[in-house]
Amino acid sequence: MSSLRFNAPGSNDDMASYIKFNNVNIDGLLQEYDNNVALLPESTLAWIVDDEWQFKWISNKSGVMLFPDSYKLKSNEKSILVLDLMSRADKTIEVNKYKLEWARQVEQDKKYMWLFDGDEKAKIAMLVDWVRKNSHLLLNWRLIECLSLNAKSEILIFFNLTLQPSEVQLCFSSVKKRWSQEKYRNSLKGKKQCNVVLTEKSLKRLDAMADNYLLSRAQVLEILIRFESEQKRYISEWVKIAKGPDTE
């Protein structure tokens, strides 16, 4: 068909002959064209946001690949372009299915939010260290590439599209455990273990205070020691009473 000169004199006759000879389904071609260029209504696209992970997810689901020049667009613009280019007669129905599936994906991604819930840089550094020591070079390089962009969406892309679910679970459970251990060790800095023998009555009183103020035994003891050290009220009074008036 590319050999036909459609702009030359007699090209309409050539086109008609080509269609007749090749038994071209004109109605089918027009319908396919309509499906390809049909733009989706804005209400159907309201769930699209400027998120690179969402764009990658939509592109992966639809199988539509954009030309390199399209990557200059914002993430939400690329997502909408991908959906507009889908060649399906039931495009609106399919996009609404994507909307529901994306909502489920967002729920699944909540397991990654621990990374960004405070101390983000330290957690990510620990994550990178674990991947370096426990994965092959290609995965290590891919993660470093994602993190160099300093974007949450890139990390989600890495874990969702690069690793298997079992690998993700192993990675996060290991890093979370290590993080908890390090936090605990840091909390012990400047502290030493001290065994104290108390009467049963004193122990019950200590537990009651701890329960009342939602503190640990150690926290209650530290507070009492600090205040007594600063105010010097109770122990001195107790010593006076214990010694009795005759000892003064």
C-alpha atoms as a PDB file:
ATOM      1  CA  MET A   1       0.000   0.000   0.000  1.00  0.00           C
ATOM      2  CA  SER A   2       2.939   2.318   0.605  1.00  0.00           C
ATOM      3  CA  SER A   3       3.807   2.050  -3.109  1.00  0.00           C
ATOM      4  CA  LEU A   4       0.569   3.816  -4.133  1.00  0.00           C
ATOM      5  CA  ARG A   5       0.805   7.515  -4.926  1.00  0.00           C
ATOM      6  CA  PHE A   6      -2.405   8.708  -3.313  1.00  0.00           C
ATOM      7  CA  ASN A   7      -1.803  12.370  -4.087  1.00  0.00           C
ATOM      8  CA  ALA A   8      -1.176  11.748  -7.770  1.00  0.00           C
ATOM      9  CA  PRO A   9      -3.871  11.942 -10.498  1.00  0.00           C
ATOM     10  CA  GLY A  10      -6.002   8.822 -10.434  1.00  0.00           C
ATOM     11  CA  SER A  11      -5.027   7.958  -6.867  1.00  0.00           C
ATOM     12  CA  ASN A  12      -8.677   7.546  -5.842  1.00  0.00           C
ATOM     13  CA  ASP A  13      -9.074   4.861  -8.501  1.00  0.00           C
ATOM     14  CA  ASP A  14      -5.880   3.215  -7.264  1.00  0.00           C
ATOM     15  CA  MET A  15      -7.235   3.272  -3.694  1.00  0.00           C
ATOM     16  CA  ALA A  16     -10.540   1.761  -4.778  1.00  0.00           C
ATOM     17  CA  SER A  17      -8.728  -0.988  -6.691  1.00  0.00           C
ATOM     18  CA  TYR A  18      -6.480  -1.730  -3.714  1.00  0.00           C
ATOM     19  CA  ILE A  19      -9.452  -1.976  -1.345  1.00  0.00           C
ATOM     20  CA  LYS A  20     -11.384  -4.222  -3.721  1.00  0.00           C
ATOM     21  CA  PHE A  21      -8.395  -6.462  -4.469  1.00  0.00           C
ATOM     22  CA  ASN A  22      -7.354  -6.871  -0.810  1.00  0.00           C
ATOM     23  CA  ASN A  23     -10.922  -7.156   0.517  1.00  0.00           C
ATOM     24  CA  VAL A  24     -10.303  -4.350   3.065  1.00  0.00           C
ATOM     25  CA  ASN A  25     -12.995  -3.936   5.728  1.00  0.00           C
ATOM     26  CA  ILE A  26     -13.544  -0.161   5.630  1.00  0.00           C
ATOM     27  CA  ASP A  27     -16.047  -0.144   8.511  1.00  0.00           C
ATOM     28  CA  GLY A  28     -13.616  -2.093  10.640  1.00  0.00           C
ATOM     29  CA  LEU A  29     -10.758   0.271   9.848  1.00  0.00           C
ATOM     30  CA  LEU A  30     -12.874   3.314  10.713  1.00  0.00           C
ATOM     31  CA  GLN A  31     -14.038   1.716  13.962  1.00  0.00           C
ATOM     32  CA  GLU A  32     -10.446   0.885  14.927  1.00  0.00           C
ATOM     33  CA  TYR A  33      -9.432   4.452  14.133  1.00  0.00           C
ATOM     34  CA  ASP A  34     -12.257   5.808  16.296  1.00  0.00           C
ATOM     35  CA  ASN A  35     -11.204   3.527  19.150  1.00  0.00           C
ATOM     36  CA  ASN A  36      -7.604   4.664  18.887  1.00  0.00           C
ATOM     37  CA  VAL A  37      -8.234   8.388  18.837  1.00  0.00           C
ATOM     38  CA  ALA A  38     -11.224   8.499  21.194  1.00  0.00           C
ATOM     39  CA  LEU A  39     -10.407  10.749  24.133  1.00  0.00           C
ATOM     40  CA  LEU A  40     -11.650   9.747  27.555  1.00  0.00           C
ATOM     41  CA  PRO A  41     -13.899  12.142  29.515  1.00  0.00           C
ATOM     42  CA  GLU A  42     -12.241  14.087  32.344  1.00  0.00           C
ATOM     43  CA  SER A  43     -14.516  12.464  34.929  1.00  0.00           C
ATOM     44  CA  THR A  44     -13.046   9.056  34.019  1.00  0.00           C
ATOM     45  CA  LEU A  45      -9.513  10.391  34.554  1.00  0.00           C
ATOM     46  CA  ALA A  46     -10.047  12.210  37.871  1.00  0.00           C
ATOM     47  CA  TRP A  47      -8.044   9.535  39.758  1.00  0.00           C
ATOM     48  CA  ILE A  48      -4.891  10.217  37.719  1.00  0.00           C
ATOM     49  CA  VAL A  49      -2.211  12.148  39.654  1.00  0.00           C
ATOM     50  CA  ASP A  50       1.281  13.451  38.923  1.00  0.00           C
ATOM     51  CA  ASP A  51       3.022  10.294  40.135  1.00  0.00           C
ATOM     52  CA  GLU A  52       5.709   8.436  38.187  1.00  0.00           C
ATOM     53  CA  TRP A  53       4.869   5.141  39.885  1.00  0.00           C
ATOM     54  CA  GLN A  54       1.221   5.455  38.806  1.00  0.00           C
ATOM     55  CA  PHE A  55       2.329   6.173  35.220  1.00  0.00           C
ATOM     56  CA  LYS A  56       4.619   3.102  35.198  1.00  0.00           C
ATOM     57  CA  TRP A  57       1.801   0.987  36.640  1.00  0.00           C
ATOM     58  CA  ILE A  58      -0.704   2.179  34.013  1.00  0.00           C
ATOM     59  CA  SER A  59       1.792   1.698  31.194  1.00  0.00           C
ATOM     60  CA  ASN A  60       2.567  -1.798  32.443  1.00  0.00           C
ATOM     61  CA  LYS A  61      -1.120  -2.717  32.744  1.00  0.00           C
ATOM     62  CA  SER A  62      -2.142  -1.338  29.340  1.00  0.00           C
ATOM     63  CA  GLY A  63       0.893  -2.472  27.376  1.00  0.00           C
ATOM     64  CA  VAL A  64       1.056   0.944  25.700  1.00  0.00           C
ATOM     65  CA  MET A  65       4.590   2.288  25.285  1.00  0.00           C
ATOM     66  CA  LEU A  66       5.232   5.970  24.626  1.00  0.00           C
ATOM     67  CA  PHE A  67       7.832   7.490  22.319  1.00  0.00           C
ATOM     68  CA  PRO A  68      10.902   8.922  24.093  1.00  0.00           C
ATOM     69  CA  ASP A  69       9.780  12.504  23.363  1.00  0.00           C
ATOM     70  CA  SER A  70       6.644  11.874  25.441  1.00  0.00           C
ATOM     71  CA  TYR A  71       8.770  11.450  28.559  1.00  0.00           C
ATOM     72  CA  LYS A  72       9.200  15.215  28.700  1.00  0.00           C
ATOM     73  CA  LEU A  73       5.593  15.392  29.864  1.00  0.00           C
ATOM     74  CA  LYS A  74       4.490  15.324  33.500  1.00  0.00           C
ATOM     75  CA  SER A  75       3.627  11.931  34.937  1.00  0.00           C
ATOM     76  CA  ASN A  76      -0.126  12.575  34.953  1.00  0.00           C
ATOM     77  CA  GLU A  77       0.016  13.786  31.334  1.00  0.00           C
ATOM     78  CA  LYS A  78       1.868  10.633  30.305  1.00  0.00           C
ATOM     79  CA  SER A  79      -0.681   8.456  32.125  1.00  0.00           C
ATOM     80  CA  ILE A  80      -3.595  10.155  30.373  1.00  0.00           C
ATOM     81  CA  LEU A  81      -1.830   9.860  26.999  1.00  0.00           C
ATOM     82  CA  VAL A  82      -1.337   6.126  27.552  1.00  0.00           C
ATOM     83  CA  LEU A  83      -5.009   5.627  28.379  1.00  0.00           C
ATOM     84  CA  ASP A  84      -6.127   7.717  25.392  1.00  0.00           C
ATOM     85  CA  LEU A  85      -3.953   5.573  23.100  1.00  0.00           C
ATOM     86  CA  MET A  86      -5.492   2.299  24.254  1.00  0.00           C
ATOM     87  CA  SER A  87      -7.215   0.671  21.262  1.00  0.00           C
ATOM     88  CA  ARG A  88     -10.252  -0.868  22.922  1.00  0.00           C
ATOM     89  CA  ALA A  89     -13.930  -0.420  22.159  1.00  0.00           C
ATOM     90  CA  ASP A  90     -14.669  -0.712  25.897  1.00  0.00           C
ATOM     91  CA  LYS A  91     -11.923   1.767  26.860  1.00  0.00           C
ATOM     92  CA  THR A  92     -13.972   3.606  29.505  1.00  0.00           C
ATOM     93  CA  ILE A  93     -14.950   0.340  31.212  1.00  0.00           C
ATOM     94  CA  GLU A  94     -11.328  -0.819  31.189  1.00  0.00           C
ATOM     95  CA  VAL A  95     -10.062   2.470  32.642  1.00  0.00           C
ATOM     96  CA  ASN A  96     -12.636   2.274  35.435  1.00  0.00           C
ATOM     97  CA  LYS A  97     -11.287  -1.216  36.190  1.00  0.00           C
ATOM     98  CA  TYR A  98      -7.799   0.266  36.355  1.00  0.00           C
ATOM     99  CA  LYS A  99      -9.072   2.845  38.823  1.00  0.00           C
ATOM    100  CA  LEU A 100     -10.280   0.119  41.210  1.00  0.00           C
ATOM    101  CA  GLU A 101      -7.103  -1.920  40.772  1.00  0.00           C
ATOM    102  CA  TRP A 102      -4.953   1.137  41.439  1.00  0.00           C
ATOM    103  CA  ALA A 103      -6.841   1.772  44.688  1.00  0.00           C
ATOM    104  CA  ARG A 104      -5.942  -1.780  45.747  1.00  0.00           C
ATOM    105  CA  GLN A 105      -2.336  -1.166  44.713  1.00  0.00           C
ATOM    106  CA  VAL A 106      -2.183   1.958  46.894  1.00  0.00           C
ATOM    107  CA  GLU A 107      -3.376  -0.130  49.846  1.00  0.00           C
ATOM    108  CA  GLN A 108      -0.686  -2.727  49.148  1.00  0.00           C
ATOM    109  CA  ASP A 109       1.947   0.010  48.946  1.00  0.00           C
ATOM    110  CA  LYS A 110       1.227   1.060  52.518  1.00  0.00           C
ATOM    111  CA  LYS A 111       3.708  -1.591  53.641  1.00  0.00           C
ATOM    112  CA  TYR A 112       6.442   0.607  52.167  1.00  0.00           C
ATOM    113  CA  MET A 113       5.342   3.752  53.975  1.00  0.00           C
ATOM    114  CA  TRP A 114       7.378   2.728  57.032  1.00  0.00           C
ATOM    115  CA  LEU A 115      10.390   3.963  55.074  1.00  0.00           C
ATOM    116  CA  PHE A 116       8.996   7.494  54.930  1.00  0.00           C
ATOM    117  CA  ASP A 117       7.488   7.657  58.414  1.00  0.00           C
ATOM    118  CA  GLY A 118      10.270   9.602  60.110  1.00  0.00           C
ATOM    119  CA  ASP A 119      14.067   9.131  59.900  1.00  0.00           C
ATOM    120  CA  GLU A 120      13.679   8.621  56.145  1.00  0.00           C
ATOM    121  CA  LYS A 121      17.353   9.117  55.239  1.00  0.00           C
ATOM    122  CA  ALA A 122      18.621   6.738  57.932  1.00  0.00           C
ATOM    123  CA  LYS A 123      16.101   4.032  57.012  1.00  0.00           C
ATOM    124  CA  ILE A 124      16.863   4.277  53.299  1.00  0.00           C
ATOM    125  CA  ALA A 125      20.595   4.155  54.014  1.00  0.00           C
ATOM    126  CA  MET A 126      20.047   0.959  56.009  1.00  0.00           C
ATOM    127  CA  LEU A 127      17.909  -0.432  53.185  1.00  0.00           C
ATOM    128  CA  VAL A 128      20.619   0.300  50.625  1.00  0.00           C
ATOM    129  CA  ASP A 129      23.213  -1.356  52.846  1.00  0.00           C
ATOM    130  CA  TRP A 130      21.066  -4.504  53.149  1.00  0.00           C
ATOM    131  CA  VAL A 131      20.482  -4.699  49.378  1.00  0.00           C
ATOM    132  CA  ARG A 132      24.209  -4.257  48.729  1.00  0.00           C
ATOM    133  CA  LYS A 133      25.047  -7.174  50.996  1.00  0.00           C
ATOM    134  CA  ASN A 134      22.180  -9.475  50.061  1.00  0.00           C
ATOM    135  CA  SER A 135      21.452  -9.064  46.344  1.00  0.00           C
ATOM    136  CA  HIS A 136      23.278  -9.379  43.054  1.00  0.00           C
ATOM    137  CA  LEU A 137      25.039  -6.460  41.405  1.00  0.00           C
ATOM    138  CA  LEU A 138      22.267  -5.631  38.913  1.00  0.00           C
ATOM    139  CA  LEU A 139      19.644  -5.208  41.640  1.00  0.00           C
ATOM    140  CA  ASN A 140      22.093  -3.172  43.693  1.00  0.00           C
ATOM    141  CA  TRP A 141      22.727  -0.850  40.743  1.00  0.00           C
ATOM    142  CA  ARG A 142      19.007  -0.531  39.983  1.00  0.00           C
ATOM    143  CA  LEU A 143      18.173   0.467  43.567  1.00  0.00           C
ATOM    144  CA  ILE A 144      20.992   3.031  43.711  1.00  0.00           C
ATOM    145  CA  GLU A 145      19.709   4.463  40.422  1.00  0.00           C
ATOM    146  CA  CYS A 146      16.206   4.814  41.875  1.00  0.00           C
ATOM    147  CA  LEU A 147      17.414   6.367  45.106  1.00  0.00           C
ATOM    148  CA  SER A 148      19.596   8.850  43.233  1.00  0.00           C
ATOM    149  CA  LEU A 149      16.378  10.422  41.972  1.00  0.00           C
ATOM    150  CA  ASN A 150      15.371  10.994  45.597  1.00  0.00           C
ATOM    151  CA  ALA A 151      11.732  10.198  44.885  1.00  0.00           C
ATOM    152  CA  LYS A 152       9.332   7.998  46.791  1.00  0.00           C
ATOM    153  CA  SER A 153       7.720   6.864  43.535  1.00  0.00           C
ATOM    154  CA  GLU A 154      11.048   5.532  42.234  1.00  0.00           C
ATOM    155  CA  ILE A 155      11.482   3.355  45.313  1.00  0.00           C
ATOM    156  CA  LEU A 156       7.951   1.997  44.863  1.00  0.00           C
ATOM    157  CA  ILE A 157       8.745   1.257  41.216  1.00  0.00           C
ATOM    158  CA  PHE A 158      11.865  -0.644  42.255  1.00  0.00           C
ATOM    159  CA  PHE A 159      10.125  -2.844  44.813  1.00  0.00           C
ATOM    160  CA  ASN A 160       6.958  -3.440  42.793  1.00  0.00           C
ATOM    161  CA  LEU A 161       8.426  -3.998  39.333  1.00  0.00           C
ATOM    162  CA  THR A 162      11.916  -5.355  40.075  1.00  0.00           C
ATOM    163  CA  LEU A 163      11.562  -7.723  43.042  1.00  0.00           C
ATOM    164  CA  GLN A 164       9.378 -10.733  43.703  1.00  0.00           C
ATOM    165  CA  PRO A 165       6.921 -10.468  46.652  1.00  0.00           C
ATOM    166  CA  SER A 166       8.986 -12.979  48.660  1.00  0.00           C
ATOM    167  CA  GLU A 167      12.122 -10.878  48.103  1.00  0.00           C
ATOM    168  CA  VAL A 168      10.312  -7.716  49.196  1.00  0.00           C
ATOM    169  CA  GLN A 169       9.065  -9.423  52.360  1.00  0.00           C
ATOM    170  CA  LEU A 170      12.540 -10.715  53.231  1.00  0.00           C
ATOM    171  CA  CYS A 171      14.133  -7.329  52.584  1.00  0.00           C
ATOM    172  CA  PHE A 172      11.694  -5.297  54.662  1.00  0.00           C
ATOM    173  CA  SER A 173      11.420  -7.756  57.546  1.00  0.00           C
ATOM    174  CA  SER A 174      15.218  -7.873  57.793  1.00  0.00           C
ATOM    175  CA  VAL A 175      15.658  -4.098  57.592  1.00  0.00           C
ATOM    176  CA  LYS A 176      12.836  -3.421  60.069  1.00  0.00           C
ATOM    177  CA  LYS A 177      14.341  -5.875  62.553  1.00  0.00           C
ATOM    178  CA  ARG A 178      17.759  -4.285  62.187  1.00  0.00           C
ATOM    179  CA  TRP A 179      16.242  -0.807  62.570  1.00  0.00           C
ATOM    180  CA  SER A 180      14.463  -1.787  65.797  1.00  0.00           C
ATOM    181  CA  GLN A 181      17.653  -3.293  67.200  1.00  0.00           C
ATOM    182  CA  GLU A 182      19.633  -0.160  66.400  1.00  0.00           C
ATOM    183  CA  LYS A 183      16.963   2.097  67.932  1.00  0.00           C
ATOM    184  CA  TYR A 184      17.039  -0.018  71.078  1.00  0.00           C
ATOM    185  CA  ARG A 185      20.825   0.109  71.282  1.00  0.00           C
ATOM    186  CA  ASN A 186      20.743   3.878  70.845  1.00  0.00           C
ATOM    187  CA  SER A 187      18.204   4.165  73.633  1.00  0.00           C
ATOM    188  CA  LEU A 188      20.654   2.409  75.967  1.00  0.00           C
ATOM    189  CA  LYS A 189      23.461   4.906  75.400  1.00  0.00           C
ATOM    190  CA  GLY A 190      24.480   6.496  78.705  1.00  0.00           C
ATOM    191  CA  LYS A 191      22.686   3.769  80.642  1.00  0.00           C
ATOM    192  CA  LYS A 192      23.880   0.731  82.571  1.00  0.00           C
ATOM    193  CA  GLN A 193      21.960  -2.205  83.886  1.00  0.00           C
ATOM    194  CA  CYS A 194      21.447  -2.201  87.636  1.00  0.00           C
ATOM    195  CA  ASN A 195      19.800  -4.972  89.621  1.00  0.00           C
ATOM    196  CA  VAL A 196      17.750  -3.674  92.557  1.00  0.00           C
ATOM    197  CA  VAL A 197      16.212  -5.888  95.234  1.00  0.00           C
ATOM    198  CA  LEU A 198      12.840  -4.557  96.441  1.00  0.00           C
ATOM    199  CA  THR A 199      10.318  -5.834  98.934  1.00  0.00           C
ATOM    200  CA  GLU A 200       7.150  -7.257  97.477  1.00  0.00           C
ATOM    201  CA  LYS A 201       5.228  -4.269  98.841  1.00  0.00           C
ATOM    202  CA  SER A 202       7.593  -1.774  97.150  1.00  0.00           C
ATOM    203  CA  LEU A 203       7.466  -3.725  93.916  1.00  0.00           C
ATOM    204  CA  LYS A 204       3.659  -3.596  93.902  1.00  0.00           C
ATOM    205  CA  ARG A 205       3.786   0.153  94.500  1.00  0.00           C
ATOM    206  CA  LEU A 206       6.286   0.547  91.654  1.00  0.00           C
ATOM    207  CA  ASP A 207       4.090  -1.455  89.284  1.00  0.00           C
ATOM    208  CA  ALA A 208       1.034   0.572  90.303  1.00  0.00           C
ATOM    209  CA  MET A 209       2.823   3.844  89.510  1.00  0.00           C
ATOM    210  CA  ALA A 210       4.045   2.449  86.195  1.00  0.00           C
ATOM    211  CA  ASP A 211       0.531   1.323  85.226  1.00  0.00           C
ATOM    212  CA  ASN A 212      -1.003   4.601  86.374  1.00  0.00           C
ATOM    213  CA  TYR A 213       1.291   6.737  84.227  1.00  0.00           C
ATOM    214  CA  LEU A 214       1.798   4.201  81.402  1.00  0.00           C
ATOM    215  CA  LEU A 215       5.535   4.068  82.091  1.00  0.00           C
ATOM    216  CA  SER A 216       8.053   1.294  82.583  1.00  0.00           C
ATOM    217  CA  ARG A 217       9.510   0.439  85.989  1.00  0.00           C
ATOM    218  CA  ALA A 218      12.854   1.896  84.891  1.00  0.00           C
ATOM    219  CA  GLN A 219      11.218   5.167  83.793  1.00  0.00           C
ATOM    220  CA  VAL A 220       9.413   5.549  87.137  1.00  0.00           C
ATOM    221  CA  LEU A 221      12.624   4.936  89.076  1.00  0.00           C
ATOM    222  CA  GLU A 222      14.573   7.409  86.909  1.00  0.00           C
ATOM    223  CA  ILE A 223      11.945  10.114  87.481  1.00  0.00           C
ATOM    224  CA  LEU A 224      11.892   9.562  91.245  1.00  0.00           C
ATOM    225  CA  ILE A 225      15.694   9.576  91.454  1.00  0.00           C
ATOM    226  CA  ARG A 226      15.974  12.745  89.363  1.00  0.00           C
ATOM    227  CA  PHE A 227      13.405  14.710  91.358  1.00  0.00           C
ATOM    228  CA  GLU A 228      14.802  13.586  94.684  1.00  0.00           C
ATOM    229  CA  SER A 229      18.289  14.529  93.529  1.00  0.00           C
ATOM    230  CA  GLU A 230      17.079  17.996  92.545  1.00  0.00           C
ATOM    231  CA  GLN A 231      14.702  18.729  95.464  1.00  0.00           C
ATOM    232  CA  LYS A 232      16.223  16.652  98.289  1.00  0.00           C
ATOM    233  CA  ARG A 233      12.929  16.370 100.128  1.00  0.00           C
ATOM    234  CA  TYR A 234      11.784  12.849 100.766  1.00  0.00           C
ATOM    235  CA  ILE A 235      14.921  10.887 101.586  1.00  0.00           C
ATOM    236  CA  SER A 236      16.175  13.483 104.068  1.00  0.00           C
ATOM    237  CA  GLU A 237      12.767  13.446 105.817  1.00  0.00           C
ATOM    238  CA  TRP A 238      12.743   9.678 105.859  1.00  0.00           C
ATOM    239  CA  VAL A 239      16.256   9.577 107.356  1.00  0.00           C
ATOM    240  CA  LYS A 240      15.218  11.996 110.112  1.00  0.00           C
ATOM    241  CA  ILE A 241      12.184   9.891 110.955  1.00  0.00           C
ATOM    242  CA  ALA A 242      14.202   6.666 110.824  1.00  0.00           C
ATOM    243  CA  LYS A 243      16.861   8.029 113.172  1.00  0.00           C
ATOM    244  CA  GLY A 244      14.299   9.391 115.614  1.00  0.00           C
ATOM    245  CA  PRO A 245      14.368  12.680 117.569  1.00  0.00           C
ATOM    246  CA  ASP A 246      17.009  11.460 120.049  1.00  0.00           C
ATOM    247  CA  THR A 247      19.662  11.075 117.341  1.00  0.00           C
ATOM    248  CA  GLU A 248      19.688  14.734 116.301  1.00  0.00           C
END
